[in-house]
Amino acid sequence: MTDNDKPSGAERAADEPDSGKTSDNSSTVPAYVPEPLPEDEPKRGSISYQDETTAAKKPSVAEQRARRDAQRRQREAEQAAYEEAERKRKKRKRILIGSGVTVGVVALVAVIYAASTPDEVTAQCTTSDGTIVDDDYCDSTYASGHGGYSSGGFIYIGGTSYRYNYGGSGSVGQKVSGGSYVSPSSDTTVKTNSGKTVQRGGLGVSSGGKSGGS
């Protein structure tokens, strides 16, 4: 190769890569270009704050309809609960009133029954000194069949007087204990220990008659 065939300095400079040195043999440093920062991703669980000046979003037609339906169902449920409570309250009131009427009727019937049911007293036939004898001696029918008679509440047989003691106690041959010789009211049923009815309450004297006196 001759000298004419060698490339010139300019051509050699264009063909050869730059060595990083200047004309005065000093190295050049390329300018630093920072890498772009990644965009911040929203953290999970974080709260986003809305600007106070931001207007509230108007609910859609479907949301408004759903809200009206929910309010209507709530009103219907409240009305149903109120009506059920009223029904139970009225039922309890009727039961109480019915119970009161029933008790009142039962009490009234009991009072009427007690008033219409005569008291019962046991009569003991006694002599004039209070000795208890057989009931027949105070029976006017028995006395008349044995030559006796009745007068002023007494039965007279063979010169001895007999009369009833009402409410007293004792056995034949004993002195009567307690009671009274005053005849009870006509509403009182009087029976002897043997079961004979001397007076039927409210119906007057029995067929056997009665004796008594003060």
N, C-alpha and C. Protein backbone atom coordinates (compact mmCIF):
# COMPACT_ATOMS: atom_id res chain seq x y z
N MET A 1 0.86 -1.18 0.00
CA MET A 1 0.00 0.00 0.00
C MET A 1 0.90 1.22 0.00
N THR A 2 0.58 2.12 -0.86
CA THR A 2 1.35 3.35 -0.93
C THR A 2 0.79 4.36 0.00
N ASP A 3 1.47 5.46 0.11
CA ASP A 3 0.96 6.51 1.01
C ASP A 3 -0.31 7.09 0.48
N ASN A 4 -0.46 7.06 -0.82
CA ASN A 4 -1.70 7.62 -1.36
C ASN A 4 -2.90 6.74 -1.04
N ASP A 5 -2.59 5.44 -0.86
CA ASP A 5 -3.72 4.54 -0.55
C ASP A 5 -4.15 4.62 0.91
N LYS A 6 -3.38 5.15 1.87
CA LYS A 6 -3.74 5.24 3.29
C LYS A 6 -4.84 6.28 3.48
N PRO A 7 -5.81 6.02 4.34
CA PRO A 7 -6.88 6.99 4.60
C PRO A 7 -6.35 8.19 5.33
N SER A 8 -7.00 9.26 5.01
CA SER A 8 -6.61 10.51 5.66
C SER A 8 -7.07 10.50 7.11
N GLY A 9 -6.63 11.53 7.82
CA GLY A 9 -7.00 11.60 9.26
C GLY A 9 -8.49 11.79 9.46
N ALA A 10 -9.11 12.60 8.59
CA ALA A 10 -10.55 12.83 8.76
C ALA A 10 -11.33 11.57 8.49
N GLU A 11 -10.89 10.85 7.43
CA GLU A 11 -11.61 9.63 7.11
C GLU A 11 -11.41 8.59 8.20
N ARG A 12 -10.16 8.54 8.74
CA ARG A 12 -9.90 7.58 9.81
C ARG A 12 -10.69 7.92 11.06
N ALA A 13 -10.86 9.20 11.30
CA ALA A 13 -11.63 9.61 12.48
C ALA A 13 -13.08 9.24 12.35
N ALA A 14 -13.57 9.31 11.12
CA ALA A 14 -14.99 8.97 10.94
C ALA A 14 -15.21 7.48 11.05
N ASP A 15 -14.18 6.71 10.59
CA ASP A 15 -14.37 5.26 10.62
C ASP A 15 -14.14 4.68 11.99
N GLU A 16 -13.23 5.22 12.76
CA GLU A 16 -12.89 4.64 14.06
C GLU A 16 -13.83 5.15 15.13
N PRO A 17 -14.18 4.32 16.09
CA PRO A 17 -15.05 4.78 17.18
C PRO A 17 -14.34 5.76 18.07
N ASP A 18 -15.18 6.61 18.68
CA ASP A 18 -14.64 7.62 19.58
C ASP A 18 -14.07 6.95 20.80
N SER A 19 -12.88 7.33 21.19
CA SER A 19 -12.23 6.71 22.34
C SER A 19 -12.57 7.38 23.63
N GLY A 20 -13.42 8.43 23.57
CA GLY A 20 -13.81 9.13 24.79
C GLY A 20 -12.82 10.16 25.20
N LYS A 21 -11.86 10.49 24.37
CA LYS A 21 -10.87 11.49 24.72
C LYS A 21 -11.06 12.68 23.82
N THR A 22 -10.81 13.85 24.39
CA THR A 22 -10.88 15.09 23.62
C THR A 22 -9.58 15.30 22.90
N SER A 23 -9.55 16.43 22.23
CA SER A 23 -8.34 16.73 21.46
C SER A 23 -7.14 16.90 22.35
N ASP A 24 -7.40 17.27 23.57
CA ASP A 24 -6.28 17.41 24.50
C ASP A 24 -6.10 16.17 25.34
N ASN A 25 -6.59 15.05 24.79
CA ASN A 25 -6.46 13.73 25.44
C ASN A 25 -7.19 13.63 26.79
N SER A 26 -8.22 14.50 27.07
CA SER A 26 -8.99 14.38 28.32
C SER A 26 -10.28 13.60 28.05
N SER A 27 -10.71 12.75 29.03
CA SER A 27 -11.91 11.90 28.86
C SER A 27 -13.18 12.70 29.09
N THR A 28 -14.25 12.42 28.37
CA THR A 28 -15.56 13.06 28.57
C THR A 28 -16.50 12.09 29.28
N VAL A 29 -17.35 12.61 30.18
CA VAL A 29 -18.32 11.80 30.95
C VAL A 29 -19.71 12.06 30.41
N PRO A 30 -20.44 11.02 30.05
CA PRO A 30 -21.80 11.26 29.54
C PRO A 30 -22.72 11.83 30.62
N ALA A 31 -23.65 12.66 30.21
CA ALA A 31 -24.59 13.31 31.16
C ALA A 31 -25.51 12.27 31.80
N TYR A 32 -25.84 12.44 33.14
CA TYR A 32 -26.69 11.49 33.88
C TYR A 32 -28.15 11.80 33.63
N VAL A 33 -28.83 10.81 33.20
CA VAL A 33 -30.28 10.96 32.96
C VAL A 33 -31.02 10.06 33.96
N PRO A 34 -31.74 10.65 34.94
CA PRO A 34 -32.43 9.82 35.95
C PRO A 34 -33.56 9.01 35.34
N GLU A 35 -33.74 7.82 35.89
CA GLU A 35 -34.84 6.97 35.43
C GLU A 35 -36.17 7.50 35.97
N PRO A 36 -37.22 7.39 35.21
CA PRO A 36 -38.53 7.89 35.70
C PRO A 36 -39.02 7.08 36.90
N LEU A 37 -39.53 7.81 37.92
CA LEU A 37 -40.04 7.14 39.14
C LEU A 37 -41.36 6.44 38.84
N PRO A 38 -41.58 5.27 39.43
CA PRO A 38 -42.87 4.58 39.24
C PRO A 38 -44.00 5.33 39.93
N GLU A 39 -45.16 5.29 39.34
CA GLU A 39 -46.31 5.96 39.93
C GLU A 39 -46.74 5.25 41.22
N ASP A 40 -47.11 6.07 42.21
CA ASP A 40 -47.55 5.49 43.49
C ASP A 40 -48.86 4.74 43.31
N GLU A 41 -48.86 3.48 43.75
CA GLU A 41 -50.09 2.69 43.72
C GLU A 41 -50.86 2.89 45.02
N PRO A 42 -52.19 2.96 44.95
CA PRO A 42 -52.98 3.15 46.19
C PRO A 42 -52.83 1.95 47.11
N LYS A 43 -52.59 2.24 48.37
CA LYS A 43 -52.43 1.18 49.36
C LYS A 43 -53.79 0.61 49.73
N ARG A 44 -53.78 -0.71 49.98
CA ARG A 44 -55.01 -1.36 50.38
C ARG A 44 -55.41 -0.95 51.79
N GLY A 45 -56.70 -0.70 51.98
CA GLY A 45 -57.19 -0.31 53.30
C GLY A 45 -57.07 1.17 53.56
N SER A 46 -56.55 1.93 52.64
CA SER A 46 -56.43 3.37 52.85
C SER A 46 -57.77 4.04 52.58
N ILE A 47 -58.00 5.19 53.19
CA ILE A 47 -59.24 5.93 53.07
C ILE A 47 -59.01 7.12 52.16
N SER A 48 -59.90 7.24 51.23
CA SER A 48 -59.81 8.38 50.33
C SER A 48 -60.76 9.46 50.83
N TYR A 49 -60.30 10.67 50.91
CA TYR A 49 -61.09 11.79 51.39
C TYR A 49 -61.62 12.57 50.21
N GLN A 50 -62.91 12.85 50.28
CA GLN A 50 -63.53 13.58 49.19
C GLN A 50 -63.53 15.06 49.50
N ASP A 51 -63.34 15.81 48.50
CA ASP A 51 -63.33 17.26 48.66
C ASP A 51 -64.72 17.72 49.09
N GLU A 52 -64.77 18.67 50.05
CA GLU A 52 -66.05 19.14 50.55
C GLU A 52 -66.86 19.83 49.48
N THR A 53 -66.20 20.36 48.52
CA THR A 53 -66.91 21.08 47.47
C THR A 53 -67.47 20.15 46.41
N THR A 54 -67.15 18.85 46.52
CA THR A 54 -67.64 17.90 45.52
C THR A 54 -69.13 17.65 45.73
N ALA A 55 -69.92 17.77 44.72
CA ALA A 55 -71.37 17.57 44.80
C ALA A 55 -71.68 16.08 44.93
N ALA A 56 -72.70 15.75 45.81
CA ALA A 56 -73.09 14.36 46.00
C ALA A 56 -73.70 13.80 44.73
N LYS A 57 -73.42 12.54 44.54
CA LYS A 57 -73.95 11.89 43.34
C LYS A 57 -75.44 11.63 43.51
N LYS A 58 -76.21 12.05 42.54
CA LYS A 58 -77.65 11.84 42.59
C LYS A 58 -77.95 10.37 42.36
N PRO A 59 -78.79 9.76 43.28
CA PRO A 59 -79.08 8.33 43.10
C PRO A 59 -79.82 8.08 41.80
N SER A 60 -79.56 6.93 41.27
CA SER A 60 -80.20 6.56 40.01
C SER A 60 -81.67 6.22 40.24
N VAL A 61 -82.41 6.07 39.16
CA VAL A 61 -83.83 5.73 39.25
C VAL A 61 -84.02 4.38 39.94
N ALA A 62 -83.15 3.43 39.63
CA ALA A 62 -83.25 2.11 40.25
C ALA A 62 -82.99 2.19 41.75
N GLU A 63 -82.00 3.01 42.15
CA GLU A 63 -81.70 3.16 43.57
C GLU A 63 -82.86 3.83 44.30
N GLN A 64 -83.45 4.85 43.67
CA GLN A 64 -84.59 5.52 44.29
C GLN A 64 -85.77 4.56 44.45
N ARG A 65 -86.02 3.73 43.45
CA ARG A 65 -87.11 2.76 43.52
C ARG A 65 -86.85 1.73 44.62
N ALA A 66 -85.61 1.26 44.72
CA ALA A 66 -85.26 0.29 45.75
C ALA A 66 -85.41 0.89 47.14
N ARG A 67 -85.04 2.18 47.28
CA ARG A 67 -85.18 2.84 48.58
C ARG A 67 -86.64 2.99 48.96
N ARG A 68 -87.48 3.38 47.99
CA ARG A 68 -88.92 3.51 48.27
C ARG A 68 -89.54 2.16 48.64
N ASP A 69 -89.13 1.11 47.94
CA ASP A 69 -89.65 -0.22 48.27
C ASP A 69 -89.25 -0.65 49.67
N ALA A 70 -88.00 -0.36 50.05
CA ALA A 70 -87.54 -0.72 51.40
C ALA A 70 -88.30 0.04 52.46
N GLN A 71 -88.54 1.35 52.22
CA GLN A 71 -89.30 2.14 53.18
C GLN A 71 -90.74 1.65 53.28
N ARG A 72 -91.33 1.29 52.14
CA ARG A 72 -92.70 0.79 52.14
C ARG A 72 -92.79 -0.52 52.93
N ARG A 73 -91.84 -1.43 52.72
CA ARG A 73 -91.85 -2.70 53.45
C ARG A 73 -91.68 -2.48 54.95
N GLN A 74 -90.85 -1.51 55.31
CA GLN A 74 -90.65 -1.22 56.72
C GLN A 74 -91.94 -0.68 57.36
N ARG A 75 -92.64 0.23 56.63
CA ARG A 75 -93.90 0.75 57.14
C ARG A 75 -94.94 -0.35 57.28
N GLU A 76 -95.00 -1.25 56.31
CA GLU A 76 -95.96 -2.35 56.38
C GLU A 76 -95.65 -3.28 57.54
N ALA A 77 -94.36 -3.54 57.78
CA ALA A 77 -93.98 -4.41 58.90
C ALA A 77 -94.34 -3.76 60.23
N GLU A 78 -94.10 -2.44 60.34
CA GLU A 78 -94.45 -1.74 61.58
C GLU A 78 -95.96 -1.73 61.79
N GLN A 79 -96.72 -1.52 60.72
CA GLN A 79 -98.18 -1.52 60.84
C GLN A 79 -98.70 -2.89 61.25
N ALA A 80 -98.13 -3.95 60.66
CA ALA A 80 -98.55 -5.30 61.01
C ALA A 80 -98.23 -5.61 62.47
N ALA A 81 -97.05 -5.19 62.94
CA ALA A 81 -96.69 -5.42 64.34
C ALA A 81 -97.62 -4.68 65.27
N TYR A 82 -97.99 -3.44 64.90
CA TYR A 82 -98.90 -2.65 65.74
C TYR A 82 -100.28 -3.31 65.80
N GLU A 83 -100.79 -3.75 64.64
CA GLU A 83 -102.11 -4.38 64.61
C GLU A 83 -102.12 -5.68 65.41
N GLU A 84 -101.04 -6.45 65.34
CA GLU A 84 -100.96 -7.69 66.11
C GLU A 84 -100.95 -7.41 67.61
N ALA A 85 -100.20 -6.37 68.01
CA ALA A 85 -100.17 -6.00 69.43
C ALA A 85 -101.54 -5.55 69.91
N GLU A 86 -102.26 -4.78 69.07
CA GLU A 86 -103.60 -4.34 69.44
C GLU A 86 -104.56 -5.52 69.55
N ARG A 87 -104.43 -6.47 68.61
CA ARG A 87 -105.31 -7.63 68.65
C ARG A 87 -105.11 -8.43 69.94
N LYS A 88 -103.84 -8.63 70.34
CA LYS A 88 -103.56 -9.37 71.57
C LYS A 88 -104.06 -8.60 72.79
N ARG A 89 -103.90 -7.27 72.76
CA ARG A 89 -104.34 -6.46 73.91
C ARG A 89 -105.85 -6.54 74.08
N LYS A 90 -106.59 -6.45 72.95
CA LYS A 90 -108.05 -6.53 73.03
C LYS A 90 -108.50 -7.92 73.48
N LYS A 91 -107.77 -8.96 73.02
CA LYS A 91 -108.12 -10.32 73.43
C LYS A 91 -107.94 -10.49 74.93
N ARG A 92 -106.80 -9.99 75.46
CA ARG A 92 -106.57 -10.09 76.91
C ARG A 92 -107.65 -9.33 77.67
N LYS A 93 -108.06 -8.18 77.13
CA LYS A 93 -109.08 -7.38 77.80
C LYS A 93 -110.41 -8.12 77.84
N ARG A 94 -110.77 -8.78 76.70
CA ARG A 94 -112.02 -9.54 76.68
C ARG A 94 -111.97 -10.70 77.67
N ILE A 95 -110.80 -11.35 77.76
CA ILE A 95 -110.67 -12.47 78.70
C ILE A 95 -110.84 -11.99 80.13
N LEU A 96 -110.21 -10.84 80.45
CA LEU A 96 -110.32 -10.31 81.81
C LEU A 96 -111.75 -9.91 82.12
N ILE A 97 -112.41 -9.27 81.13
CA ILE A 97 -113.80 -8.88 81.35
C ILE A 97 -114.68 -10.11 81.53
N GLY A 98 -114.45 -11.12 80.66
CA GLY A 98 -115.23 -12.35 80.78
C GLY A 98 -115.01 -13.05 82.10
N SER A 99 -113.74 -13.04 82.55
CA SER A 99 -113.44 -13.67 83.84
C SER A 99 -114.13 -12.92 84.97
N GLY A 100 -114.10 -11.57 84.86
CA GLY A 100 -114.76 -10.78 85.89
C GLY A 100 -116.25 -11.02 85.93
N VAL A 101 -116.86 -11.10 84.73
CA VAL A 101 -118.30 -11.37 84.67
C VAL A 101 -118.61 -12.75 85.24
N THR A 102 -117.77 -13.73 84.87
CA THR A 102 -117.99 -15.09 85.37
C THR A 102 -117.89 -15.14 86.88
N VAL A 103 -116.84 -14.51 87.41
CA VAL A 103 -116.68 -14.48 88.87
C VAL A 103 -117.85 -13.77 89.52
N GLY A 104 -118.29 -12.66 88.89
CA GLY A 104 -119.42 -11.92 89.44
C GLY A 104 -120.69 -12.75 89.45
N VAL A 105 -120.94 -13.48 88.36
CA VAL A 105 -122.14 -14.32 88.29
C VAL A 105 -122.08 -15.44 89.31
N VAL A 106 -120.90 -16.08 89.41
CA VAL A 106 -120.74 -17.16 90.39
C VAL A 106 -120.95 -16.65 91.80
N ALA A 107 -120.38 -15.48 92.09
CA ALA A 107 -120.54 -14.91 93.43
C ALA A 107 -122.00 -14.58 93.70
N LEU A 108 -122.68 -14.04 92.67
CA LEU A 108 -124.09 -13.70 92.85
C LEU A 108 -124.93 -14.95 93.09
N VAL A 109 -124.66 -16.00 92.31
CA VAL A 109 -125.39 -17.26 92.50
C VAL A 109 -125.14 -17.82 93.89
N ALA A 110 -123.87 -17.73 94.33
CA ALA A 110 -123.55 -18.24 95.66
C ALA A 110 -124.29 -17.48 96.75
N VAL A 111 -124.38 -16.16 96.57
CA VAL A 111 -125.10 -15.35 97.56
C VAL A 111 -126.58 -15.70 97.57
N ILE A 112 -127.15 -15.83 96.35
CA ILE A 112 -128.58 -16.18 96.27
C ILE A 112 -128.83 -17.56 96.88
N TYR A 113 -127.91 -18.51 96.56
CA TYR A 113 -128.08 -19.86 97.11
C TYR A 113 -127.98 -19.85 98.62
N ALA A 114 -126.99 -19.09 99.13
CA ALA A 114 -126.83 -19.03 100.58
C ALA A 114 -128.05 -18.38 101.23
N ALA A 115 -128.60 -17.37 100.54
CA ALA A 115 -129.77 -16.70 101.11
C ALA A 115 -131.00 -17.59 101.06
N SER A 116 -131.09 -18.40 99.98
CA SER A 116 -132.28 -19.25 99.83
C SER A 116 -132.16 -20.55 100.61
N THR A 117 -130.94 -20.94 100.97
CA THR A 117 -130.75 -22.19 101.71
C THR A 117 -130.93 -21.92 103.21
N PRO A 118 -131.91 -22.52 103.84
CA PRO A 118 -132.15 -22.23 105.27
C PRO A 118 -131.08 -22.85 106.15
N ASP A 119 -130.91 -22.25 107.32
CA ASP A 119 -130.03 -22.83 108.32
C ASP A 119 -130.69 -24.08 108.89
N GLU A 120 -129.87 -24.93 109.47
CA GLU A 120 -130.40 -26.17 110.06
C GLU A 120 -129.99 -26.24 111.52
N VAL A 121 -130.94 -26.58 112.35
CA VAL A 121 -130.71 -26.66 113.78
C VAL A 121 -131.20 -28.02 114.28
N THR A 122 -130.45 -28.60 115.21
CA THR A 122 -130.85 -29.88 115.80
C THR A 122 -131.67 -29.62 117.07
N ALA A 123 -132.80 -30.31 117.17
CA ALA A 123 -133.68 -30.15 118.33
C ALA A 123 -133.56 -31.36 119.25
N GLN A 124 -133.52 -31.09 120.55
CA GLN A 124 -133.48 -32.15 121.57
C GLN A 124 -134.77 -32.04 122.41
N CYS A 125 -135.47 -33.17 122.55
CA CYS A 125 -136.66 -33.17 123.39
C CYS A 125 -136.24 -33.33 124.86
N THR A 126 -136.71 -32.40 125.69
CA THR A 126 -136.29 -32.41 127.10
C THR A 126 -137.51 -32.28 128.02
N THR A 127 -137.29 -32.68 129.26
CA THR A 127 -138.31 -32.46 130.28
C THR A 127 -138.18 -31.03 130.80
N SER A 128 -139.03 -30.67 131.74
CA SER A 128 -139.01 -29.31 132.26
C SER A 128 -137.70 -28.97 132.97
N ASP A 129 -136.99 -29.99 133.49
CA ASP A 129 -135.71 -29.73 134.17
C ASP A 129 -134.50 -29.85 133.23
N GLY A 130 -134.76 -30.04 131.91
CA GLY A 130 -133.65 -30.07 130.95
C GLY A 130 -133.07 -31.44 130.68
N THR A 131 -133.73 -32.49 131.13
CA THR A 131 -133.24 -33.84 130.86
C THR A 131 -133.69 -34.28 129.47
N ILE A 132 -132.76 -34.82 128.71
CA ILE A 132 -133.05 -35.24 127.33
C ILE A 132 -133.80 -36.56 127.36
N VAL A 133 -134.93 -36.61 126.61
CA VAL A 133 -135.74 -37.82 126.52
C VAL A 133 -135.93 -38.18 125.05
N ASP A 134 -136.66 -39.26 124.79
CA ASP A 134 -136.91 -39.68 123.41
C ASP A 134 -137.69 -38.60 122.65
N ASP A 135 -137.42 -38.50 121.35
CA ASP A 135 -138.04 -37.44 120.54
C ASP A 135 -139.56 -37.56 120.48
N ASP A 136 -140.10 -38.76 120.67
CA ASP A 136 -141.55 -38.95 120.55
C ASP A 136 -142.33 -38.12 121.58
N TYR A 137 -141.73 -37.84 122.72
CA TYR A 137 -142.44 -37.12 123.77
C TYR A 137 -142.73 -35.67 123.40
N CYS A 138 -142.03 -35.19 122.39
CA CYS A 138 -142.27 -33.82 121.92
C CYS A 138 -143.10 -33.80 120.65
N ASP A 139 -143.63 -34.94 120.25
CA ASP A 139 -144.45 -35.03 119.05
C ASP A 139 -145.92 -34.94 119.46
N SER A 140 -146.62 -33.97 118.92
CA SER A 140 -148.02 -33.76 119.29
C SER A 140 -148.90 -34.94 118.89
N THR A 141 -148.57 -35.59 117.77
CA THR A 141 -149.35 -36.75 117.34
C THR A 141 -149.18 -37.90 118.32
N TYR A 142 -147.95 -38.10 118.78
CA TYR A 142 -147.67 -39.15 119.77
C TYR A 142 -148.37 -38.82 121.09
N ALA A 143 -148.32 -37.56 121.45
CA ALA A 143 -148.94 -37.15 122.73
C ALA A 143 -150.45 -37.39 122.72
N SER A 144 -151.09 -37.00 121.61
CA SER A 144 -152.56 -37.17 121.55
C SER A 144 -152.94 -38.65 121.55
N GLY A 145 -152.06 -39.50 121.03
CA GLY A 145 -152.33 -40.93 121.04
C GLY A 145 -152.09 -41.56 122.39
N HIS A 146 -151.47 -40.82 123.31
CA HIS A 146 -151.21 -41.35 124.65
C HIS A 146 -151.85 -40.48 125.73
N GLY A 147 -152.96 -39.89 125.36
CA GLY A 147 -153.72 -39.13 126.35
C GLY A 147 -153.12 -37.79 126.67
N GLY A 148 -152.23 -37.35 125.88
CA GLY A 148 -151.61 -36.05 126.13
C GLY A 148 -152.15 -34.98 125.20
N TYR A 149 -151.57 -33.79 125.33
CA TYR A 149 -151.99 -32.66 124.50
C TYR A 149 -150.84 -31.65 124.43
N SER A 150 -150.99 -30.67 123.57
CA SER A 150 -149.99 -29.61 123.43
C SER A 150 -150.63 -28.27 123.72
N SER A 151 -149.85 -27.37 124.35
CA SER A 151 -150.35 -26.05 124.67
C SER A 151 -149.17 -25.11 124.94
N GLY A 152 -149.19 -23.98 124.27
CA GLY A 152 -148.19 -22.94 124.53
C GLY A 152 -146.77 -23.40 124.28
N GLY A 153 -146.59 -24.32 123.32
CA GLY A 153 -145.24 -24.77 123.01
C GLY A 153 -144.79 -25.94 123.86
N PHE A 154 -145.66 -26.41 124.73
CA PHE A 154 -145.32 -27.56 125.57
C PHE A 154 -146.18 -28.75 125.18
N ILE A 155 -145.64 -29.96 125.42
CA ILE A 155 -146.38 -31.20 125.24
C ILE A 155 -146.59 -31.81 126.64
N TYR A 156 -147.85 -32.10 126.95
CA TYR A 156 -148.16 -32.66 128.27
C TYR A 156 -148.62 -34.10 128.10
N ILE A 157 -147.89 -34.99 128.78
CA ILE A 157 -148.25 -36.41 128.77
C ILE A 157 -148.14 -36.93 130.22
N GLY A 158 -149.25 -37.40 130.75
CA GLY A 158 -149.24 -37.99 132.10
C GLY A 158 -148.73 -37.04 133.16
N GLY A 159 -149.05 -35.77 133.05
CA GLY A 159 -148.67 -34.80 134.06
C GLY A 159 -147.25 -34.27 133.94
N THR A 160 -146.53 -34.72 132.93
CA THR A 160 -145.16 -34.22 132.72
C THR A 160 -145.12 -33.38 131.43
N SER A 161 -144.42 -32.28 131.51
CA SER A 161 -144.31 -31.39 130.32
C SER A 161 -143.00 -31.66 129.58
N TYR A 162 -143.08 -31.53 128.29
CA TYR A 162 -141.90 -31.73 127.43
C TYR A 162 -141.82 -30.56 126.42
N ARG A 163 -140.62 -30.27 126.01
CA ARG A 163 -140.43 -29.23 124.99
C ARG A 163 -139.07 -29.44 124.31
N TYR A 164 -138.93 -28.79 123.16
CA TYR A 164 -137.68 -28.91 122.40
C TYR A 164 -136.65 -27.88 122.86
N ASN A 165 -135.44 -28.35 122.91
CA ASN A 165 -134.30 -27.45 123.06
C ASN A 165 -133.62 -27.38 121.69
N TYR A 166 -133.37 -26.16 121.20
CA TYR A 166 -132.83 -25.98 119.85
C TYR A 166 -131.33 -25.64 119.90
N GLY A 167 -130.56 -26.52 119.29
CA GLY A 167 -129.12 -26.26 119.20
C GLY A 167 -128.30 -26.85 120.33
N GLY A 168 -128.94 -27.45 121.32
CA GLY A 168 -128.20 -28.04 122.42
C GLY A 168 -127.62 -29.39 122.03
N SER A 169 -126.82 -29.95 122.94
CA SER A 169 -126.18 -31.25 122.68
C SER A 169 -126.31 -32.14 123.91
N GLY A 170 -126.14 -33.43 123.68
CA GLY A 170 -126.24 -34.39 124.77
C GLY A 170 -126.96 -35.64 124.30
N SER A 171 -127.01 -36.63 125.19
CA SER A 171 -127.66 -37.90 124.89
C SER A 171 -128.86 -38.09 125.81
N VAL A 172 -129.70 -39.05 125.44
CA VAL A 172 -130.90 -39.34 126.24
C VAL A 172 -130.48 -39.70 127.67
N GLY A 173 -131.18 -39.08 128.66
CA GLY A 173 -130.88 -39.31 130.07
C GLY A 173 -129.93 -38.27 130.63
N GLN A 174 -129.26 -37.49 129.76
CA GLN A 174 -128.34 -36.45 130.23
C GLN A 174 -129.03 -35.10 130.22
N LYS A 175 -128.44 -34.16 130.96
CA LYS A 175 -128.91 -32.79 130.91
C LYS A 175 -128.44 -32.16 129.60
N VAL A 176 -129.32 -31.44 128.95
CA VAL A 176 -128.95 -30.79 127.70
C VAL A 176 -127.90 -29.73 127.96
N SER A 177 -126.96 -29.60 127.04
CA SER A 177 -125.89 -28.61 127.19
C SER A 177 -126.06 -27.55 126.11
N GLY A 178 -126.24 -26.31 126.55
CA GLY A 178 -126.36 -25.20 125.60
C GLY A 178 -127.69 -25.18 124.91
N GLY A 179 -127.73 -24.47 123.80
CA GLY A 179 -128.97 -24.35 123.04
C GLY A 179 -129.91 -23.33 123.62
N SER A 180 -131.11 -23.31 123.04
CA SER A 180 -132.12 -22.35 123.46
C SER A 180 -133.49 -22.98 123.33
N TYR A 181 -134.44 -22.50 124.15
CA TYR A 181 -135.81 -22.98 124.07
C TYR A 181 -136.69 -22.06 123.24
N VAL A 182 -136.08 -21.07 122.66
CA VAL A 182 -136.81 -20.16 121.77
C VAL A 182 -136.84 -20.76 120.38
N SER A 183 -138.03 -20.85 119.80
CA SER A 183 -138.16 -21.44 118.47
C SER A 183 -137.42 -20.60 117.43
N PRO A 184 -136.68 -21.24 116.54
CA PRO A 184 -135.98 -20.48 115.49
C PRO A 184 -136.96 -19.93 114.46
N SER A 185 -136.46 -19.08 113.59
CA SER A 185 -137.32 -18.47 112.57
C SER A 185 -137.82 -19.53 111.59
N SER A 186 -138.84 -19.15 110.85
CA SER A 186 -139.46 -20.10 109.92
C SER A 186 -138.53 -20.45 108.76
N ASP A 187 -137.45 -19.68 108.54
CA ASP A 187 -136.50 -19.99 107.48
C ASP A 187 -135.50 -21.06 107.89
N THR A 188 -135.55 -21.48 109.14
CA THR A 188 -134.60 -22.46 109.65
C THR A 188 -135.20 -23.85 109.67
N THR A 189 -134.43 -24.81 109.17
CA THR A 189 -134.87 -26.20 109.20
C THR A 189 -134.48 -26.81 110.55
N VAL A 190 -135.44 -27.47 111.17
CA VAL A 190 -135.20 -28.08 112.48
C VAL A 190 -135.37 -29.58 112.36
N LYS A 191 -134.35 -30.33 112.78
CA LYS A 191 -134.39 -31.79 112.76
C LYS A 191 -133.95 -32.33 114.11
N THR A 192 -134.45 -33.53 114.43
CA THR A 192 -134.04 -34.20 115.65
C THR A 192 -132.83 -35.10 115.37
N ASN A 193 -132.26 -35.66 116.43
CA ASN A 193 -131.12 -36.56 116.27
C ASN A 193 -131.51 -37.83 115.52
N SER A 194 -132.77 -38.22 115.61
CA SER A 194 -133.23 -39.41 114.92
C SER A 194 -133.51 -39.16 113.44
N GLY A 195 -133.40 -37.90 113.01
CA GLY A 195 -133.60 -37.57 111.61
C GLY A 195 -134.98 -37.06 111.28
N LYS A 196 -135.83 -36.94 112.28
CA LYS A 196 -137.18 -36.44 112.05
C LYS A 196 -137.14 -34.93 111.82
N THR A 197 -137.89 -34.48 110.82
CA THR A 197 -137.94 -33.05 110.52
C THR A 197 -139.06 -32.41 111.32
N VAL A 198 -138.69 -31.53 112.22
CA VAL A 198 -139.66 -30.81 113.03
C VAL A 198 -140.18 -29.59 112.28
N GLN A 199 -139.29 -28.93 111.58
CA GLN A 199 -139.67 -27.73 110.81
C GLN A 199 -138.83 -27.69 109.54
N ARG A 200 -139.53 -27.48 108.42
CA ARG A 200 -138.82 -27.37 107.15
C ARG A 200 -138.67 -25.89 106.83
N GLY A 201 -137.44 -25.47 106.68
CA GLY A 201 -137.16 -24.05 106.48
C GLY A 201 -137.96 -23.45 105.35
N GLY A 202 -138.68 -22.37 105.66
CA GLY A 202 -139.45 -21.66 104.65
C GLY A 202 -140.81 -22.25 104.39
N LEU A 203 -141.10 -23.45 104.90
CA LEU A 203 -142.37 -24.11 104.61
C LEU A 203 -143.22 -24.30 105.86
N GLY A 204 -142.73 -23.82 106.98
CA GLY A 204 -143.54 -23.90 108.19
C GLY A 204 -143.34 -25.20 108.94
N VAL A 205 -144.27 -25.52 109.80
CA VAL A 205 -144.16 -26.66 110.70
C VAL A 205 -144.51 -27.94 109.97
N SER A 206 -143.79 -29.02 110.31
CA SER A 206 -144.07 -30.32 109.70
C SER A 206 -145.34 -30.90 110.28
N SER A 207 -145.78 -32.01 109.72
CA SER A 207 -147.04 -32.63 110.16
C SER A 207 -146.96 -33.11 111.60
N GLY A 208 -145.77 -33.31 112.11
CA GLY A 208 -145.63 -33.81 113.47
C GLY A 208 -145.81 -32.74 114.51
N GLY A 209 -145.89 -31.48 114.08
CA GLY A 209 -146.02 -30.40 115.03
C GLY A 209 -144.70 -30.09 115.70
N LYS A 210 -144.70 -29.14 116.58
CA LYS A 210 -143.49 -28.79 117.30
C LYS A 210 -143.84 -28.28 118.67
N SER A 211 -142.89 -28.38 119.54
CA SER A 211 -143.05 -27.83 120.87
C SER A 211 -141.95 -26.84 121.11
N GLY A 212 -142.15 -25.97 122.02
CA GLY A 212 -141.15 -24.98 122.33
C GLY A 212 -141.69 -24.04 123.37
N GLY A 213 -141.11 -22.87 123.47
CA GLY A 213 -141.56 -21.91 124.45
C GLY A 213 -140.38 -21.29 125.14
N SER A 214 -140.69 -20.28 125.85
CA SER A 214 -139.62 -19.56 126.53
C SER A 214 -139.42 -20.14 127.91
